[in-house]
Amino acid sequence: MAALDTTRTTTGSFGLVGRIGAFFASVVNTVAEWNDARATRNALSGLSDRELDDIGLCRGDIDLVAEGRR
């Protein structure tokens, strides 16, 4: 799982450079979240219906779990 520390905030003293850095951090974070969802979706899709039932899921729940809505 990818981790990116986005808790630091700039005080505005960095101006344009800070905004460009924040933009790239946002892009990297979006790609990392997409990849985590993709990996979760692939792992859950590889399970049998019985294994999904054992963890309280059905095939229809896979997208919800991958996107973090369940």
PDB file of N, CA and C in Angstrom:
ATOM      1  N   MET A   1       0.840  -1.163   0.000  1.00  0.00           N
ATOM      2  CA  MET A   1       0.000   0.000   0.000  1.00  0.00           C
ATOM      3  C   MET A   1       0.893   1.236   0.000  1.00  0.00           C
ATOM      4  N   ALA A   2       0.574   2.163  -0.845  1.00  0.00           N
ATOM      5  CA  ALA A   2       1.355   3.390  -0.937  1.00  0.00           C
ATOM      6  C   ALA A   2       0.929   4.363   0.143  1.00  0.00           C
ATOM      7  N   ALA A   3       1.873   5.111   0.644  1.00  0.00           N
ATOM      8  CA  ALA A   3       1.570   6.127   1.649  1.00  0.00           C
ATOM      9  C   ALA A   3       2.221   7.432   1.237  1.00  0.00           C
ATOM     10  N   LEU A   4       1.487   8.502   1.362  1.00  0.00           N
ATOM     11  CA  LEU A   4       1.992   9.809   1.024  1.00  0.00           C
ATOM     12  C   LEU A   4       1.551  10.764   2.112  1.00  0.00           C
ATOM     13  N   ASP A   5       2.499  11.456   2.730  1.00  0.00           N
ATOM     14  CA  ASP A   5       2.189  12.383   3.802  1.00  0.00           C
ATOM     15  C   ASP A   5       1.719  13.696   3.203  1.00  0.00           C
ATOM     16  N   THR A   6       0.418  13.960   3.336  1.00  0.00           N
ATOM     17  CA  THR A   6      -0.136  15.206   2.812  1.00  0.00           C
ATOM     18  C   THR A   6      -0.629  16.089   3.947  1.00  0.00           C
ATOM     19  N   THR A   7      -0.129  15.865   5.155  1.00  0.00           N
ATOM     20  CA  THR A   7      -0.590  16.644   6.295  1.00  0.00           C
ATOM     21  C   THR A   7       0.134  17.972   6.424  1.00  0.00           C
ATOM     22  N   ARG A   8       1.252  18.127   5.761  1.00  0.00           N
ATOM     23  CA  ARG A   8       1.967  19.394   5.816  1.00  0.00           C
ATOM     24  C   ARG A   8       1.259  20.426   4.958  1.00  0.00           C
ATOM     25  N   THR A   9       1.145  21.602   5.484  1.00  0.00           N
ATOM     26  CA  THR A   9       0.549  22.680   4.718  1.00  0.00           C
ATOM     27  C   THR A   9       1.570  23.798   4.567  1.00  0.00           C
ATOM     28  N   THR A  10       1.476  24.483   3.463  1.00  0.00           N
ATOM     29  CA  THR A  10       2.400  25.600   3.266  1.00  0.00           C
ATOM     30  C   THR A  10       1.772  26.849   3.839  1.00  0.00           C
ATOM     31  N   THR A  11       2.584  27.753   4.261  1.00  0.00           N
ATOM     32  CA  THR A  11       2.101  28.995   4.856  1.00  0.00           C
ATOM     33  C   THR A  11       1.875  30.068   3.816  1.00  0.00           C
ATOM     34  N   GLY A  12       2.088  29.751   2.572  1.00  0.00           N
ATOM     35  CA  GLY A  12       1.912  30.724   1.516  1.00  0.00           C
ATOM     36  C   GLY A  12       3.216  31.405   1.139  1.00  0.00           C
ATOM     37  N   SER A  13       4.264  31.168   1.879  1.00  0.00           N
ATOM     38  CA  SER A  13       5.529  31.833   1.598  1.00  0.00           C
ATOM     39  C   SER A  13       6.239  31.211   0.398  1.00  0.00           C
ATOM     40  N   PHE A  14       5.766  30.067  -0.065  1.00  0.00           N
ATOM     41  CA  PHE A  14       6.406  29.413  -1.192  1.00  0.00           C
ATOM     42  C   PHE A  14       5.823  29.866  -2.519  1.00  0.00           C
ATOM     43  N   GLY A  15       4.692  30.504  -2.490  1.00  0.00           N
ATOM     44  CA  GLY A  15       4.086  31.057  -3.702  1.00  0.00           C
ATOM     45  C   GLY A  15       3.853  30.022  -4.774  1.00  0.00           C
ATOM     46  N   LEU A  16       4.295  30.354  -5.945  1.00  0.00           N
ATOM     47  CA  LEU A  16       4.068  29.500  -7.116  1.00  0.00           C
ATOM     48  C   LEU A  16       4.726  28.137  -6.956  1.00  0.00           C
ATOM     49  N   VAL A  17       5.919  28.096  -6.401  1.00  0.00           N
ATOM     50  CA  VAL A  17       6.627  26.823  -6.222  1.00  0.00           C
ATOM     51  C   VAL A  17       5.835  25.903  -5.298  1.00  0.00           C
ATOM     52  N   GLY A  18       5.273  26.456  -4.233  1.00  0.00           N
ATOM     53  CA  GLY A  18       4.463  25.657  -3.307  1.00  0.00           C
ATOM     54  C   GLY A  18       3.209  25.117  -3.957  1.00  0.00           C
ATOM     55  N   ARG A  19       2.583  25.947  -4.784  1.00  0.00           N
ATOM     56  CA  ARG A  19       1.367  25.492  -5.475  1.00  0.00           C
ATOM     57  C   ARG A  19       1.685  24.404  -6.493  1.00  0.00           C
ATOM     58  N   ILE A  20       2.808  24.542  -7.185  1.00  0.00           N
ATOM     59  CA  ILE A  20       3.208  23.505  -8.151  1.00  0.00           C
ATOM     60  C   ILE A  20       3.523  22.214  -7.413  1.00  0.00           C
ATOM     61  N   GLY A  21       4.224  22.311  -6.290  1.00  0.00           N
ATOM     62  CA  GLY A  21       4.518  21.124  -5.486  1.00  0.00           C
ATOM     63  C   GLY A  21       3.261  20.468  -4.971  1.00  0.00           C
ATOM     64  N   ALA A  22       2.288  21.270  -4.529  1.00  0.00           N
ATOM     65  CA  ALA A  22       1.017  20.731  -4.042  1.00  0.00           C
ATOM     66  C   ALA A  22       0.257  20.037  -5.172  1.00  0.00           C
ATOM     67  N   PHE A  23       0.333  20.600  -6.370  1.00  0.00           N
ATOM     68  CA  PHE A  23      -0.325  19.986  -7.515  1.00  0.00           C
ATOM     69  C   PHE A  23       0.266  18.610  -7.798  1.00  0.00           C
ATOM     70  N   PHE A  24       1.600  18.522  -7.836  1.00  0.00           N
ATOM     71  CA  PHE A  24       2.235  17.237  -8.105  1.00  0.00           C
ATOM     72  C   PHE A  24       1.971  16.236  -6.978  1.00  0.00           C
ATOM     73  N   ALA A  25       1.931  16.703  -5.735  1.00  0.00           N
ATOM     74  CA  ALA A  25       1.600  15.820  -4.609  1.00  0.00           C
ATOM     75  C   ALA A  25       0.184  15.294  -4.768  1.00  0.00           C
ATOM     76  N   SER A  26      -0.718  16.141  -5.227  1.00  0.00           N
ATOM     77  CA  SER A  26      -2.100  15.727  -5.460  1.00  0.00           C
ATOM     78  C   SER A  26      -2.187  14.673  -6.564  1.00  0.00           C
ATOM     79  N   VAL A  27      -1.429  14.872  -7.629  1.00  0.00           N
ATOM     80  CA  VAL A  27      -1.415  13.900  -8.735  1.00  0.00           C
ATOM     81  C   VAL A  27      -0.872  12.559  -8.256  1.00  0.00           C
ATOM     82  N   VAL A  28       0.234  12.589  -7.510  1.00  0.00           N
ATOM     83  CA  VAL A  28       0.823  11.353  -6.991  1.00  0.00           C
ATOM     84  C   VAL A  28      -0.158  10.663  -6.053  1.00  0.00           C
ATOM     85  N   ASN A  29      -0.828  11.417  -5.199  1.00  0.00           N
ATOM     86  CA  ASN A  29      -1.790  10.838  -4.269  1.00  0.00           C
ATOM     87  C   ASN A  29      -2.965  10.195  -5.018  1.00  0.00           C
ATOM     88  N   THR A  30      -3.439  10.840  -6.067  1.00  0.00           N
ATOM     89  CA  THR A  30      -4.542  10.292  -6.864  1.00  0.00           C
ATOM     90  C   THR A  30      -4.135   8.983  -7.528  1.00  0.00           C
ATOM     91  N   VAL A  31      -2.939   8.941  -8.072  1.00  0.00           N
ATOM     92  CA  VAL A  31      -2.449   7.717  -8.718  1.00  0.00           C
ATOM     93  C   VAL A  31      -2.287   6.600  -7.680  1.00  0.00           C
ATOM     94  N   ALA A  32      -1.779   6.927  -6.493  1.00  0.00           N
ATOM     95  CA  ALA A  32      -1.606   5.924  -5.441  1.00  0.00           C
ATOM     96  C   ALA A  32      -2.956   5.371  -4.986  1.00  0.00           C
ATOM     97  N   GLU A  33      -3.953   6.243  -4.836  1.00  0.00           N
ATOM     98  CA  GLU A  33      -5.289   5.784  -4.449  1.00  0.00           C
ATOM     99  C   GLU A  33      -5.896   4.893  -5.527  1.00  0.00           C
ATOM    100  N   TRP A  34      -5.722   5.278  -6.794  1.00  0.00           N
ATOM    101  CA  TRP A  34      -6.238   4.464  -7.893  1.00  0.00           C
ATOM    102  C   TRP A  34      -5.576   3.085  -7.888  1.00  0.00           C
ATOM    103  N   ASN A  35      -4.262   3.046  -7.667  1.00  0.00           N
ATOM    104  CA  ASN A  35      -3.550   1.777  -7.674  1.00  0.00           C
ATOM    105  C   ASN A  35      -3.984   0.900  -6.497  1.00  0.00           C
ATOM    106  N   ASP A  36      -4.199   1.486  -5.329  1.00  0.00           N
ATOM    107  CA  ASP A  36      -4.677   0.716  -4.181  1.00  0.00           C
ATOM    108  C   ASP A  36      -6.045   0.102  -4.467  1.00  0.00           C
ATOM    109  N   ALA A  37      -6.935   0.888  -5.075  1.00  0.00           N
ATOM    110  CA  ALA A  37      -8.265   0.379  -5.417  1.00  0.00           C
ATOM    111  C   ALA A  37      -8.165  -0.737  -6.448  1.00  0.00           C
ATOM    112  N   ARG A  38      -7.273  -0.576  -7.424  1.00  0.00           N
ATOM    113  CA  ARG A  38      -7.085  -1.596  -8.451  1.00  0.00           C
ATOM    114  C   ARG A  38      -6.580  -2.900  -7.840  1.00  0.00           C
ATOM    115  N   ALA A  39      -5.596  -2.797  -6.957  1.00  0.00           N
ATOM    116  CA  ALA A  39      -5.038  -3.994  -6.315  1.00  0.00           C
ATOM    117  C   ALA A  39      -6.081  -4.682  -5.443  1.00  0.00           C
ATOM    118  N   THR A  40      -6.869  -3.912  -4.719  1.00  0.00           N
ATOM    119  CA  THR A  40      -7.931  -4.483  -3.877  1.00  0.00           C
ATOM    120  C   THR A  40      -8.965  -5.181  -4.744  1.00  0.00           C
ATOM    121  N   ARG A  41      -9.368  -4.514  -5.822  1.00  0.00           N
ATOM    122  CA  ARG A  41     -10.364  -5.094  -6.731  1.00  0.00           C
ATOM    123  C   ARG A  41      -9.854  -6.412  -7.322  1.00  0.00           C
ATOM    124  N   ASN A  42      -8.590  -6.452  -7.732  1.00  0.00           N
ATOM    125  CA  ASN A  42      -8.015  -7.669  -8.307  1.00  0.00           C
ATOM    126  C   ASN A  42      -7.935  -8.789  -7.277  1.00  0.00           C
ATOM    127  N   ALA A  43      -7.538  -8.460  -6.047  1.00  0.00           N
ATOM    128  CA  ALA A  43      -7.424  -9.477  -4.998  1.00  0.00           C
ATOM    129  C   ALA A  43      -8.791 -10.065  -4.660  1.00  0.00           C
ATOM    130  N   LEU A  44      -9.796  -9.209  -4.512  1.00  0.00           N
ATOM    131  CA  LEU A  44     -11.130  -9.707  -4.178  1.00  0.00           C
ATOM    132  C   LEU A  44     -11.760 -10.459  -5.341  1.00  0.00           C
ATOM    133  N   SER A  45     -11.475 -10.036  -6.558  1.00  0.00           N
ATOM    134  CA  SER A  45     -12.028 -10.733  -7.723  1.00  0.00           C
ATOM    135  C   SER A  45     -11.451 -12.133  -7.857  1.00  0.00           C
ATOM    136  N   GLY A  46     -10.272 -12.351  -7.323  1.00  0.00           N
ATOM    137  CA  GLY A  46      -9.642 -13.667  -7.385  1.00  0.00           C
ATOM    138  C   GLY A  46     -10.195 -14.666  -6.385  1.00  0.00           C
ATOM    139  N   LEU A  47     -10.997 -14.188  -5.442  1.00  0.00           N
ATOM    140  CA  LEU A  47     -11.577 -15.092  -4.449  1.00  0.00           C
ATOM    141  C   LEU A  47     -12.812 -15.788  -5.005  1.00  0.00           C
ATOM    142  N   SER A  48     -13.082 -16.969  -4.497  1.00  0.00           N
ATOM    143  CA  SER A  48     -14.291 -17.690  -4.903  1.00  0.00           C
ATOM    144  C   SER A  48     -15.495 -17.082  -4.185  1.00  0.00           C
ATOM    145  N   ASP A  49     -16.688 -17.450  -4.665  1.00  0.00           N
ATOM    146  CA  ASP A  49     -17.908 -16.960  -4.014  1.00  0.00           C
ATOM    147  C   ASP A  49     -17.968 -17.413  -2.554  1.00  0.00           C
ATOM    148  N   ARG A  50     -17.507 -18.597  -2.284  1.00  0.00           N
ATOM    149  CA  ARG A  50     -17.487 -19.118  -0.910  1.00  0.00           C
ATOM    150  C   ARG A  50     -16.555 -18.293  -0.021  1.00  0.00           C
ATOM    151  N   GLU A  51     -15.369 -17.963  -0.543  1.00  0.00           N
ATOM    152  CA  GLU A  51     -14.417 -17.167   0.234  1.00  0.00           C
ATOM    153  C   GLU A  51     -14.949 -15.752   0.476  1.00  0.00           C
ATOM    154  N   LEU A  52     -15.600 -15.177  -0.531  1.00  0.00           N
ATOM    155  CA  LEU A  52     -16.209 -13.867  -0.337  1.00  0.00           C
ATOM    156  C   LEU A  52     -17.303 -13.924   0.720  1.00  0.00           C
ATOM    157  N   ASP A  53     -18.101 -14.978   0.691  1.00  0.00           N
ATOM    158  CA  ASP A  53     -19.167 -15.146   1.680  1.00  0.00           C
ATOM    159  C   ASP A  53     -18.580 -15.281   3.088  1.00  0.00           C
ATOM    160  N   ASP A  54     -17.436 -15.935   3.203  1.00  0.00           N
ATOM    161  CA  ASP A  54     -16.791 -16.092   4.508  1.00  0.00           C
ATOM    162  C   ASP A  54     -16.401 -14.749   5.124  1.00  0.00           C
ATOM    163  N   ILE A  55     -16.073 -13.767   4.292  1.00  0.00           N
ATOM    164  CA  ILE A  55     -15.711 -12.458   4.830  1.00  0.00           C
ATOM    165  C   ILE A  55     -16.870 -11.464   4.743  1.00  0.00           C
ATOM    166  N   GLY A  56     -18.049 -11.978   4.438  1.00  0.00           N
ATOM    167  CA  GLY A  56     -19.256 -11.159   4.466  1.00  0.00           C
ATOM    168  C   GLY A  56     -19.464 -10.283   3.250  1.00  0.00           C
ATOM    169  N   LEU A  57     -18.962 -10.716   2.112  1.00  0.00           N
ATOM    170  CA  LEU A  57     -19.115  -9.945   0.882  1.00  0.00           C
ATOM    171  C   LEU A  57     -19.737 -10.791  -0.210  1.00  0.00           C
ATOM    172  N   CYS A  58     -20.251 -10.119  -1.227  1.00  0.00           N
ATOM    173  CA  CYS A  58     -20.689 -10.792  -2.447  1.00  0.00           C
ATOM    174  C   CYS A  58     -19.994 -10.091  -3.610  1.00  0.00           C
ATOM    175  N   ARG A  59     -20.106 -10.635  -4.792  1.00  0.00           N
ATOM    176  CA  ARG A  59     -19.409 -10.066  -5.954  1.00  0.00           C
ATOM    177  C   ARG A  59     -19.798  -8.603  -6.192  1.00  0.00           C
ATOM    178  N   GLY A  60     -21.031  -8.261  -5.901  1.00  0.00           N
ATOM    179  CA  GLY A  60     -21.493  -6.892  -6.098  1.00  0.00           C
ATOM    180  C   GLY A  60     -20.860  -5.890  -5.150  1.00  0.00           C
ATOM    181  N   ASP A  61     -20.269  -6.364  -4.068  1.00  0.00           N
ATOM    182  CA  ASP A  61     -19.644  -5.479  -3.080  1.00  0.00           C
ATOM    183  C   ASP A  61     -18.204  -5.120  -3.421  1.00  0.00           C
ATOM    184  N   ILE A  62     -17.605  -5.791  -4.382  1.00  0.00           N
ATOM    185  CA  ILE A  62     -16.172  -5.626  -4.657  1.00  0.00           C
ATOM    186  C   ILE A  62     -15.842  -4.182  -5.016  1.00  0.00           C
ATOM    187  N   ASP A  63     -16.601  -3.569  -5.917  1.00  0.00           N
ATOM    188  CA  ASP A  63     -16.315  -2.184  -6.303  1.00  0.00           C
ATOM    189  C   ASP A  63     -16.498  -1.227  -5.130  1.00  0.00           C
ATOM    190  N   LEU A  64     -17.513  -1.455  -4.306  1.00  0.00           N
ATOM    191  CA  LEU A  64     -17.728  -0.595  -3.141  1.00  0.00           C
ATOM    192  C   LEU A  64     -16.572  -0.673  -2.161  1.00  0.00           C
ATOM    193  N   VAL A  65     -16.074  -1.878  -1.929  1.00  0.00           N
ATOM    194  CA  VAL A  65     -14.951  -2.066  -1.007  1.00  0.00           C
ATOM    195  C   VAL A  65     -13.681  -1.443  -1.587  1.00  0.00           C
ATOM    196  N   ALA A  66     -13.457  -1.641  -2.860  1.00  0.00           N
ATOM    197  CA  ALA A  66     -12.244  -1.111  -3.507  1.00  0.00           C
ATOM    198  C   ALA A  66     -12.212   0.407  -3.474  1.00  0.00           C
ATOM    199  N   GLU A  67     -13.372   1.029  -3.573  1.00  0.00           N
ATOM    200  CA  GLU A  67     -13.433   2.489  -3.554  1.00  0.00           C
ATOM    201  C   GLU A  67     -13.561   3.043  -2.146  1.00  0.00           C
ATOM    202  N   GLY A  68     -13.611   2.164  -1.149  1.00  0.00           N
ATOM    203  CA  GLY A  68     -13.674   2.607   0.241  1.00  0.00           C
ATOM    204  C   GLY A  68     -15.036   3.081   0.698  1.00  0.00           C
ATOM    205  N   ARG A  69     -16.069   2.730  -0.039  1.00  0.00           N
ATOM    206  CA  ARG A  69     -17.422   3.158   0.344  1.00  0.00           C
ATOM    207  C   ARG A  69     -18.117   2.145   1.230  1.00  0.00           C
ATOM    208  N   ARG A  70     -17.458   1.033   1.529  1.00  0.00           N
ATOM    209  CA  ARG A  70     -18.039   0.042   2.437  1.00  0.00           C
ATOM    210  C   ARG A  70     -16.993  -0.470   3.344  1.00  0.00           C
TER     211      ARG A  70
END
